[in-house]
């Protein structure tokens, strides 16, 4: 069914990092295996883009898996007032709120405070530090559908 299998252990590190607590990419293809440890998310995206483009040219079918820690309860997109397919609407909203630099710095901490009224009880999913979470009012979870 697939020619190539790729597993990516993503990282939320806020500085370029290799080794422990960093990004790892394992690529298993008919031509062999590769293991990469790019220091930043930007470097990982570029590397994956290059490798995937080459696999596409070769006509390979690729199964790509990431360990992103994003899972949202039913009704999350609606509670935020987002329109469109819920999974896509949430990802698009996050993309507009968070900036990620080539040096692995991001605006998660800043945005969590600003968006607390909207995200409230789900701030930990966005990586807010305990200092930020404890300083915010505790909104109530939405009623069950």
Protein backbone atom coordinates (compact mmCIF):
# COMPACT_ATOMS: atom_id res chain seq x y z
CA UNK A 1 0.00 0.00 0.00
CA UNK A 2 2.83 2.43 0.89
CA UNK A 3 6.38 2.56 -0.40
CA UNK A 4 7.81 4.91 2.19
CA UNK A 5 7.11 5.34 5.89
CA UNK A 6 8.06 8.48 7.81
CA UNK A 7 7.74 9.04 11.55
CA UNK A 8 8.42 12.47 13.03
CA UNK A 9 8.95 13.08 16.73
CA UNK A 10 8.15 16.81 16.85
CA UNK A 11 9.40 19.24 19.50
CA UNK A 12 8.10 22.37 21.20
CA UNK A 13 11.61 23.47 22.18
CA UNK A 14 12.01 27.24 22.14
CA UNK A 15 15.68 27.16 21.14
CA UNK A 16 17.52 25.26 18.39
CA UNK A 17 18.31 21.84 19.81
CA UNK A 18 19.55 18.43 18.75
CA UNK A 19 19.72 15.24 20.76
CA UNK A 20 17.35 14.78 23.67
CA UNK A 21 14.04 16.70 23.57
CA UNK A 22 14.43 17.70 19.92
CA UNK A 23 13.00 16.81 16.52
CA UNK A 24 13.75 13.36 15.10
CA UNK A 25 12.76 12.13 11.65
CA UNK A 26 12.90 8.47 10.69
CA UNK A 27 12.48 7.75 6.96
CA UNK A 28 12.12 4.18 5.70
CA UNK A 29 11.98 3.83 1.91
CA UNK A 30 12.77 1.19 -0.73
CA UNK A 31 16.16 2.88 -1.17
CA UNK A 32 17.03 2.58 2.53
CA UNK A 33 16.60 4.31 5.85
CA UNK A 34 17.49 7.79 7.05
CA UNK A 35 17.51 9.27 10.50
CA UNK A 36 17.70 13.04 10.88
CA UNK A 37 17.80 15.36 13.88
CA UNK A 38 17.29 18.92 12.54
CA UNK A 39 17.84 21.64 15.16
CA UNK A 40 14.67 23.68 14.44
CA UNK A 41 11.10 23.24 13.26
CA UNK A 42 11.89 25.34 10.19
CA UNK A 43 14.85 23.11 9.30
CA UNK A 44 12.65 20.03 9.80
CA UNK A 45 9.92 21.42 7.53
CA UNK A 46 12.46 22.19 4.81
CA UNK A 47 14.08 18.76 5.09
CA UNK A 48 10.73 16.97 5.00
CA UNK A 49 9.61 19.11 2.07
CA UNK A 50 12.73 18.21 0.11
CA UNK A 51 12.45 14.50 0.91
CA UNK A 52 8.71 14.39 0.14
CA UNK A 53 9.18 16.26 -3.16
CA UNK A 54 11.81 13.70 -4.22
CA UNK A 55 9.50 10.82 -3.23
CA UNK A 56 6.71 12.39 -5.27
CA UNK A 57 8.97 12.60 -8.33
CA UNK A 58 9.77 8.89 -7.88
CA UNK A 59 6.05 8.11 -7.66
CA UNK A 60 6.28 6.74 -4.12
CA UNK A 61 3.28 6.50 -1.83
CA UNK A 62 4.26 7.91 1.56
CA UNK A 63 2.70 7.37 4.98
CA UNK A 64 3.70 10.28 7.20
CA UNK A 65 3.06 10.32 10.95
CA UNK A 66 3.64 13.08 13.51
CA UNK A 67 3.27 13.03 17.28
CA UNK A 68 1.54 16.41 17.54
CA UNK A 69 -0.17 16.76 20.91
CA UNK A 70 -3.29 18.42 19.52
CA UNK A 71 -6.64 16.87 20.20
CA UNK A 72 -9.73 18.91 20.89
CA UNK A 73 -13.08 18.03 22.42
CA UNK A 74 -16.22 18.00 20.32
CA UNK A 75 -17.56 21.51 19.93
CA UNK A 76 -14.21 23.27 20.46
CA UNK A 77 -14.24 25.04 17.07
CA UNK A 78 -17.87 26.08 17.54
CA UNK A 79 -17.11 27.48 21.01
CA UNK A 80 -14.42 29.66 19.43
CA UNK A 81 -16.91 30.85 16.82
CA UNK A 82 -14.93 29.33 13.95
CA UNK A 83 -16.47 28.49 10.59
CA UNK A 84 -15.69 25.57 8.32
CA UNK A 85 -14.59 21.99 8.96
CA UNK A 86 -13.76 22.01 12.69
CA UNK A 87 -10.28 20.46 12.45
CA UNK A 88 -9.24 22.89 9.70
CA UNK A 89 -10.80 25.92 11.37
CA UNK A 90 -8.85 25.26 14.60
CA UNK A 91 -5.56 24.77 12.74
CA UNK A 92 -6.14 27.95 10.72
CA UNK A 93 -6.92 29.90 13.91
CA UNK A 94 -3.76 28.66 15.62
CA UNK A 95 -1.74 29.57 12.53
CA UNK A 96 -3.01 33.16 12.73
CA UNK A 97 -2.27 33.43 16.46
CA UNK A 98 1.17 31.87 16.81
CA UNK A 99 4.35 32.93 15.07
CA UNK A 100 7.29 30.51 14.99
CA UNK A 101 10.72 31.90 14.09
CA UNK A 102 13.59 30.11 12.36
CA UNK A 103 15.37 30.09 15.75
CA UNK A 104 12.47 28.10 17.35
CA UNK A 105 11.13 31.09 19.30
CA UNK A 106 7.36 31.48 19.27
CA UNK A 107 4.55 33.66 20.56
CA UNK A 108 2.66 30.95 22.48
CA UNK A 109 3.25 32.54 25.89
CA UNK A 110 2.18 36.00 24.71
CA UNK A 111 -0.92 34.77 22.89
CA UNK A 112 -2.17 32.55 25.71
CA UNK A 113 -2.75 35.54 27.95
CA UNK A 114 -4.49 37.50 25.20
CA UNK A 115 -6.67 34.57 24.19
CA UNK A 116 -7.50 33.27 27.69
CA UNK A 117 -11.19 34.18 27.41
CA UNK A 118 -11.45 32.07 24.26
CA UNK A 119 -9.14 29.16 25.04
CA UNK A 120 -9.35 29.21 28.84
CA UNK A 121 -9.49 25.62 30.02
CA UNK A 122 -7.44 24.39 27.04
CA UNK A 123 -4.38 26.62 27.53
CA UNK A 124 -2.17 23.69 28.45
CA UNK A 125 -2.66 22.29 24.92
CA UNK A 126 -1.12 25.48 23.58
CA UNK A 127 1.95 25.22 25.80
CA UNK A 128 1.18 27.99 28.29
CA UNK A 129 3.49 27.86 31.29
CA UNK A 130 2.03 27.14 34.70
CA UNK A 131 2.84 30.78 35.62
CA UNK A 132 0.60 32.03 32.80
CA UNK A 133 -2.19 29.50 33.48
CA UNK A 134 -2.35 30.23 37.22
CA UNK A 135 -2.52 34.00 36.63
CA UNK A 136 -5.63 33.68 34.47
CA UNK A 137 -9.24 33.37 35.58
CA UNK A 138 -10.62 29.87 35.34
CA UNK A 139 -13.37 29.87 32.70
CA UNK A 140 -16.01 27.20 32.92
CA UNK A 141 -15.97 24.31 30.46
CA UNK A 142 -18.75 24.54 27.88
CA UNK A 143 -21.88 22.51 28.56
CA UNK A 144 -22.00 19.06 27.03
CA UNK A 145 -23.80 18.94 23.68
